[in-house]
Every structure is written in structure tokens, then in C-alpha cells.
Amino acid sequence: MGNDCGHLLDDLVKFDLHCHSHFSDGALSPEMLVARAKEREVDVLALTDHDTIAGLVLAQKAADEQGLKLITGIEFSSQWGKGGVHIVGLGFKLDSTELHAAIAAQNDARSGRAEQIAARLAKAGITGSLEGAQLIAGDAFVGRPHFAQYLINVGAVSNINAAFKKYLGAGKSADVKFQWPVMATIIEWIHAAGGVAVLAHPCKYDLTRTKMCALIKDFAAAGGDALEVVSGMQAHPVTEDLARIAAANNLAASCGSDFHLPGQPWQELGCFPKLPDSCRPVWELLGFAA
């Protein structure tokens, strides 16, 4: 299958440095993800599941078979002010003890939140939600969407929106907030593992431009390395603006689809605008040039 996006990220090499498998909130297995990337003519791929590297060994085996270059990746959850932000780690060492300790800490936070949600649902008369959500999640961490599906399965609500409106949304009875590590801690974890820290999709945090610039400035000041200048199919003025902000903060530029599942053309593997020529590509920090 050829690429139908009408452009390449580079004249010779196409990079996609942000995507997800079913080990976090994606729909495809690592093997299926790599095969789809190959079909989309991606040359260099980073699998960046949320707070886990569980799919990387499978992805590496598939990449070797497909003749595709795989970069180690993860998307860490972090805290900035009162909100959550995501920091992608690229090119780290899989055997890093610091990395595995960091992932264990994130797993504990996710597990603790899931237990609290289940306890609150039990108080509302809905039992067995943790076990039910775990069955729905499969290999992934249990999150609110899995609880929402469980609520549908047991007839407590009729649809996902109703689950959040009645139980799981902000201010509702089973609303449990995360308290993630601050950005500086996440960046330290990534650097200790020999990786590069990238602030993911800065336009997706529902911030004003002024606050987004403040976030990026704080990320750079904390030791961050790169900004995701391109995330999926986005408008050209947005890309150009982010490129200028990256340069102003001495950050390299990354790009990725943030692919989760088929049928979303705005987040298809390898299908997004190229980095502006003014950018310093993050892959130069990863030890190779396009």
C-alpha cells in the first residue's frame, strides 16, 4: 500500500515518533502497528505507549522482520500547575534501572487511582468494577474508559457519555484526580536512561497561547530537549507558530501522528505535515541524520 498523504517528512526518510499500541490506549498490537507503519511508508518509528514499555520487545521483533527502524519510546504522564501534560521519552536504554523504577512508580499511581475509583463506585452500589474494568483493559492499564464500559455492561448507564456525566466526570462521585510527578522529575528519569525528553502535543492541553508558551518555557528550563512541533494533521499556521516557539526556547523539533486506531485520518501513521525547514530535528539528538 502506498502513502496517500501527499508528502514526506524528509526527501529520504519518514519519521513517526509518537504512536500507541494496545499496551496503553491504542487499538492495535505492536506487531500490527509496525505492519501498518510499514504500509504507510514510515521508515523510523517510535512506539510511545503511556507509562509502559511492555510492547517494545514485540515491536522490535516486528520491525526487524519488516525492515523498519524502531526507536525506543514512552509517553510519561506529568503535572504542570493544576493540569496534566505528557512528556515523550525517545532513544533511551531499555535496561536502564532508572527507567524501570520510574515506570513502576507510574504504575503504582495508576493502580492506586483505579482502586479508588472502584471503591467510590462500590459506595454508589456498583460492585465488581475493578475486576470488570481489568478484563476490559486486557494488556493496558485500567483507566476511566474501561470503568465506563463496565458501567455500560452492567446496565448502570446506557453509553460512555452517560458514564462520565453520572459517575466518572469532573466533580462526580467516582472522579479521582491523578497527582503525577512534575516535569523536572520526568525529564530526569528520561535523561538518566540515556533518552531525549519531548513535550508532546502542546496544543492539546486546552491552554491559551500565553499559557502554552509558559508551559514550553518551563519545560525548557527544566531541561527538556524538544517540542512536538507537529502532531497529526494540523493547520500550517499552527506548525509555523510552534516552530518559532521551539526555536525561541532552544528546543529541537519532533513530529508524530499520535496514532491510536484505524479510521482516524487526522492521526494516521506517517500522515502529517513535514517539519519546517527552520527546525532542528530531534533525530539529530538521537544520533543519526535524515
Foldseek 3Di string as FASTA:
>chain_A
DEADQPDALDPPAHEAEAAEDLLAQFDHALLVVLVQLVRNVHAEYEHAHELDQVRVVVNVVSCVVSVHHYWYKYWYWADDDPDIFIKMWTRFAPPQPLSVVSSVVVLVQLVVLLVLLQVLVVVVVDHPLSVQLCVVSPNYGRDDQSSLVVCCVVPVDPHSVVCQVAADDPPHRSDDDGHHHHLLVVCVSSVSRVIAIEGEDLVPRPDDPVVSLVVVLVNLVSPHAAYALEEFADDPVSSVVSQVSCVVSVHAYEYHLHYRYPPDNSRRGSNYDHHPPSGHHCVVVSPDDD
